[in-house]
């Protein structure tokens, strides 16, 4: 049986708290696009994205180990 992947904050791809990086890792998306979508959503909702980000930062558990990516990770 394979273990289900959990939605966690990213340790390796973070700018502020790793929320957008964690969402991108979970869904297999580009972190830059997730961040761009978050900024657009924040502007459209007149700052509501900031509150959602803070809540996600508090609710999402931190990732255990940084995910290795790149030429030396064997991927």
N, C-alpha and C. Protein backbone atom coordinates (compact mmCIF):
# COMPACT_ATOMS: atom_id res chain seq x y z
N UNK A 1 0.83 -1.19 0.00
CA UNK A 1 0.00 0.00 0.00
C UNK A 1 0.87 1.25 0.00
N UNK A 2 0.44 2.23 -0.74
CA UNK A 2 1.19 3.48 -0.76
C UNK A 2 0.60 4.44 0.26
N UNK A 3 1.48 5.21 0.87
CA UNK A 3 1.04 6.18 1.88
C UNK A 3 0.53 7.43 1.17
N UNK A 4 -0.61 7.94 1.62
CA UNK A 4 -1.17 9.15 1.02
C UNK A 4 -0.30 10.35 1.36
N UNK A 5 -0.09 11.18 0.37
CA UNK A 5 0.68 12.39 0.58
C UNK A 5 -0.17 13.41 1.33
N UNK A 6 0.44 14.08 2.31
CA UNK A 6 -0.28 15.07 3.11
C UNK A 6 0.04 16.47 2.60
N UNK A 7 -0.91 17.35 2.79
CA UNK A 7 -0.73 18.75 2.44
C UNK A 7 0.02 19.41 3.58
N UNK A 8 1.29 19.76 3.34
CA UNK A 8 2.12 20.40 4.35
C UNK A 8 2.78 21.64 3.76
N UNK A 9 3.27 22.49 4.66
CA UNK A 9 4.04 23.65 4.20
C UNK A 9 5.39 23.17 3.71
N UNK A 10 5.88 23.80 2.66
CA UNK A 10 7.14 23.41 2.06
C UNK A 10 8.31 23.96 2.86
N UNK A 11 9.33 23.13 3.04
CA UNK A 11 10.57 23.58 3.67
C UNK A 11 11.58 24.03 2.61
N UNK A 12 11.50 23.45 1.41
CA UNK A 12 12.49 23.74 0.39
C UNK A 12 12.08 24.87 -0.55
N UNK A 13 10.78 25.10 -0.70
CA UNK A 13 10.31 26.11 -1.65
C UNK A 13 9.40 27.09 -0.92
N UNK A 14 10.01 27.96 -0.13
CA UNK A 14 9.22 28.91 0.63
C UNK A 14 9.78 30.31 0.49
N UNK A 15 8.87 31.27 0.47
CA UNK A 15 9.26 32.68 0.49
C UNK A 15 8.90 33.29 1.84
N UNK A 16 7.67 33.07 2.28
CA UNK A 16 7.25 33.56 3.59
C UNK A 16 7.11 32.40 4.56
N UNK A 17 6.09 31.58 4.36
CA UNK A 17 5.85 30.49 5.28
C UNK A 17 5.80 29.13 4.63
N UNK A 18 5.88 29.06 3.33
CA UNK A 18 5.87 27.79 2.62
C UNK A 18 4.48 27.29 2.25
N UNK A 19 3.46 28.12 2.44
CA UNK A 19 2.08 27.70 2.15
C UNK A 19 1.91 27.48 0.64
N UNK A 20 2.26 28.44 -0.15
CA UNK A 20 2.10 28.31 -1.61
C UNK A 20 2.99 27.20 -2.17
N UNK A 21 4.20 27.09 -1.64
CA UNK A 21 5.10 26.03 -2.06
C UNK A 21 4.55 24.66 -1.71
N UNK A 22 3.93 24.54 -0.54
CA UNK A 22 3.33 23.27 -0.13
C UNK A 22 2.14 22.90 -0.98
N UNK A 23 1.31 23.88 -1.32
CA UNK A 23 0.16 23.62 -2.20
C UNK A 23 0.65 23.19 -3.57
N UNK A 24 1.69 23.85 -4.07
CA UNK A 24 2.24 23.51 -5.38
C UNK A 24 2.83 22.09 -5.38
N UNK A 25 3.53 21.71 -4.31
CA UNK A 25 4.09 20.36 -4.23
C UNK A 25 2.98 19.31 -4.17
N UNK A 26 1.93 19.58 -3.44
CA UNK A 26 0.83 18.63 -3.27
C UNK A 26 0.12 18.35 -4.59
N UNK A 27 -0.14 19.40 -5.36
CA UNK A 27 -0.86 19.23 -6.62
C UNK A 27 0.06 19.06 -7.83
N UNK A 28 1.36 19.21 -7.66
CA UNK A 28 2.30 19.07 -8.77
C UNK A 28 2.31 20.26 -9.70
N UNK A 29 2.04 21.44 -9.16
CA UNK A 29 1.99 22.67 -9.94
C UNK A 29 3.27 23.46 -9.76
N UNK A 30 3.44 24.48 -10.58
CA UNK A 30 4.56 25.40 -10.46
C UNK A 30 4.29 26.37 -9.30
N UNK A 31 5.21 26.48 -8.34
CA UNK A 31 4.99 27.37 -7.19
C UNK A 31 4.80 28.83 -7.58
N UNK A 32 5.44 29.27 -8.64
CA UNK A 32 5.29 30.66 -9.08
C UNK A 32 3.85 30.95 -9.51
N UNK A 33 3.22 29.98 -10.17
CA UNK A 33 1.84 30.16 -10.60
C UNK A 33 0.88 30.18 -9.40
N UNK A 34 1.17 29.37 -8.40
CA UNK A 34 0.33 29.37 -7.19
C UNK A 34 0.46 30.72 -6.48
N UNK A 35 1.69 31.22 -6.39
CA UNK A 35 1.90 32.53 -5.75
C UNK A 35 1.21 33.65 -6.54
N UNK A 36 1.30 33.60 -7.86
CA UNK A 36 0.65 34.60 -8.70
C UNK A 36 -0.86 34.55 -8.52
N UNK A 37 -1.41 33.34 -8.49
CA UNK A 37 -2.85 33.19 -8.26
C UNK A 37 -3.26 33.71 -6.90
N UNK A 38 -2.40 33.50 -5.90
CA UNK A 38 -2.71 33.98 -4.55
C UNK A 38 -2.71 35.50 -4.51
N UNK A 39 -1.75 36.12 -5.19
CA UNK A 39 -1.69 37.59 -5.23
C UNK A 39 -2.91 38.15 -5.96
N UNK A 40 -3.26 37.55 -7.08
CA UNK A 40 -4.44 38.02 -7.82
C UNK A 40 -5.70 37.85 -6.96
N UNK A 41 -5.81 36.71 -6.30
CA UNK A 41 -6.95 36.49 -5.42
C UNK A 41 -7.01 37.48 -4.27
N UNK A 42 -5.85 37.86 -3.75
CA UNK A 42 -5.80 38.84 -2.68
C UNK A 42 -6.24 40.21 -3.17
N UNK A 43 -5.81 40.58 -4.36
CA UNK A 43 -6.21 41.88 -4.91
C UNK A 43 -7.70 41.92 -5.24
N UNK A 44 -8.23 40.83 -5.76
CA UNK A 44 -9.64 40.78 -6.13
C UNK A 44 -10.54 40.84 -4.89
N UNK A 45 -10.10 40.21 -3.81
CA UNK A 45 -10.92 40.17 -2.59
C UNK A 45 -10.58 41.29 -1.62
N UNK A 46 -9.87 42.28 -2.07
CA UNK A 46 -9.49 43.44 -1.24
C UNK A 46 -8.77 43.02 0.05
N UNK A 47 -7.83 42.11 -0.08
CA UNK A 47 -7.00 41.72 1.06
C UNK A 47 -7.45 40.46 1.76
N UNK A 48 -8.50 39.81 1.29
CA UNK A 48 -8.97 38.58 1.93
C UNK A 48 -7.97 37.44 1.85
N UNK A 49 -7.13 37.46 0.82
CA UNK A 49 -6.11 36.42 0.66
C UNK A 49 -5.08 36.45 1.77
N UNK A 50 -4.85 37.62 2.36
CA UNK A 50 -3.89 37.73 3.46
C UNK A 50 -4.41 36.96 4.68
N UNK A 51 -5.69 37.11 4.95
CA UNK A 51 -6.29 36.41 6.08
C UNK A 51 -6.27 34.90 5.84
N UNK A 52 -6.59 34.49 4.61
CA UNK A 52 -6.58 33.07 4.27
C UNK A 52 -5.16 32.51 4.38
N UNK A 53 -4.16 33.28 3.96
CA UNK A 53 -2.77 32.84 4.05
C UNK A 53 -2.36 32.65 5.51
N UNK A 54 -2.72 33.59 6.36
CA UNK A 54 -2.37 33.48 7.78
C UNK A 54 -3.05 32.26 8.40
N UNK A 55 -4.31 32.03 8.05
CA UNK A 55 -5.01 30.85 8.56
C UNK A 55 -4.35 29.56 8.06
N UNK A 56 -3.98 29.53 6.79
CA UNK A 56 -3.31 28.35 6.24
C UNK A 56 -1.96 28.14 6.90
N UNK A 57 -1.27 29.22 7.21
CA UNK A 57 0.03 29.14 7.89
C UNK A 57 -0.12 28.52 9.27
N UNK A 58 -1.21 28.84 9.93
CA UNK A 58 -1.45 28.30 11.27
C UNK A 58 -1.99 26.87 11.25
N UNK A 59 -2.76 26.52 10.22
CA UNK A 59 -3.42 25.21 10.16
C UNK A 59 -2.53 24.14 9.53
N UNK A 60 -1.85 24.48 8.44
CA UNK A 60 -1.04 23.48 7.72
C UNK A 60 0.18 23.09 8.54
N UNK A 61 0.43 21.78 8.68
CA UNK A 61 1.64 21.36 9.40
C UNK A 61 2.88 21.61 8.55
N UNK A 62 3.98 21.77 9.22
CA UNK A 62 5.24 21.98 8.54
C UNK A 62 5.74 20.67 7.95
N UNK A 63 6.35 20.74 6.77
CA UNK A 63 6.92 19.54 6.15
C UNK A 63 8.10 19.05 6.96
N UNK A 64 8.28 17.73 7.01
CA UNK A 64 9.34 17.16 7.82
C UNK A 64 10.73 17.44 7.26
N UNK A 65 10.93 17.06 6.02
CA UNK A 65 12.24 17.22 5.41
C UNK A 65 12.10 17.94 4.08
N UNK A 66 13.10 18.73 3.72
CA UNK A 66 13.04 19.37 2.40
C UNK A 66 13.07 18.33 1.30
N UNK A 67 12.27 18.54 0.29
CA UNK A 67 12.24 17.64 -0.85
C UNK A 67 13.40 17.98 -1.76
N UNK A 68 14.19 16.96 -2.10
CA UNK A 68 15.34 17.21 -2.96
C UNK A 68 14.89 17.26 -4.41
N UNK A 69 15.25 18.32 -5.07
CA UNK A 69 14.97 18.42 -6.49
C UNK A 69 16.23 18.91 -7.17
N UNK A 70 16.36 18.58 -8.40
CA UNK A 70 17.51 19.07 -9.14
C UNK A 70 18.33 17.94 -9.70
N UNK A 71 19.53 18.27 -10.12
CA UNK A 71 20.38 17.33 -10.83
C UNK A 71 20.92 16.21 -9.93
N UNK A 72 21.10 16.47 -8.64
CA UNK A 72 21.69 15.49 -7.75
C UNK A 72 20.68 14.65 -6.99
N UNK A 73 19.40 14.86 -7.21
CA UNK A 73 18.40 14.12 -6.45
C UNK A 73 18.02 12.79 -7.11
N UNK A 74 18.47 12.55 -8.33
CA UNK A 74 18.17 11.32 -9.01
C UNK A 74 16.84 11.35 -9.75
N UNK A 75 16.22 12.50 -9.85
CA UNK A 75 14.95 12.61 -10.56
C UNK A 75 15.18 12.95 -12.00
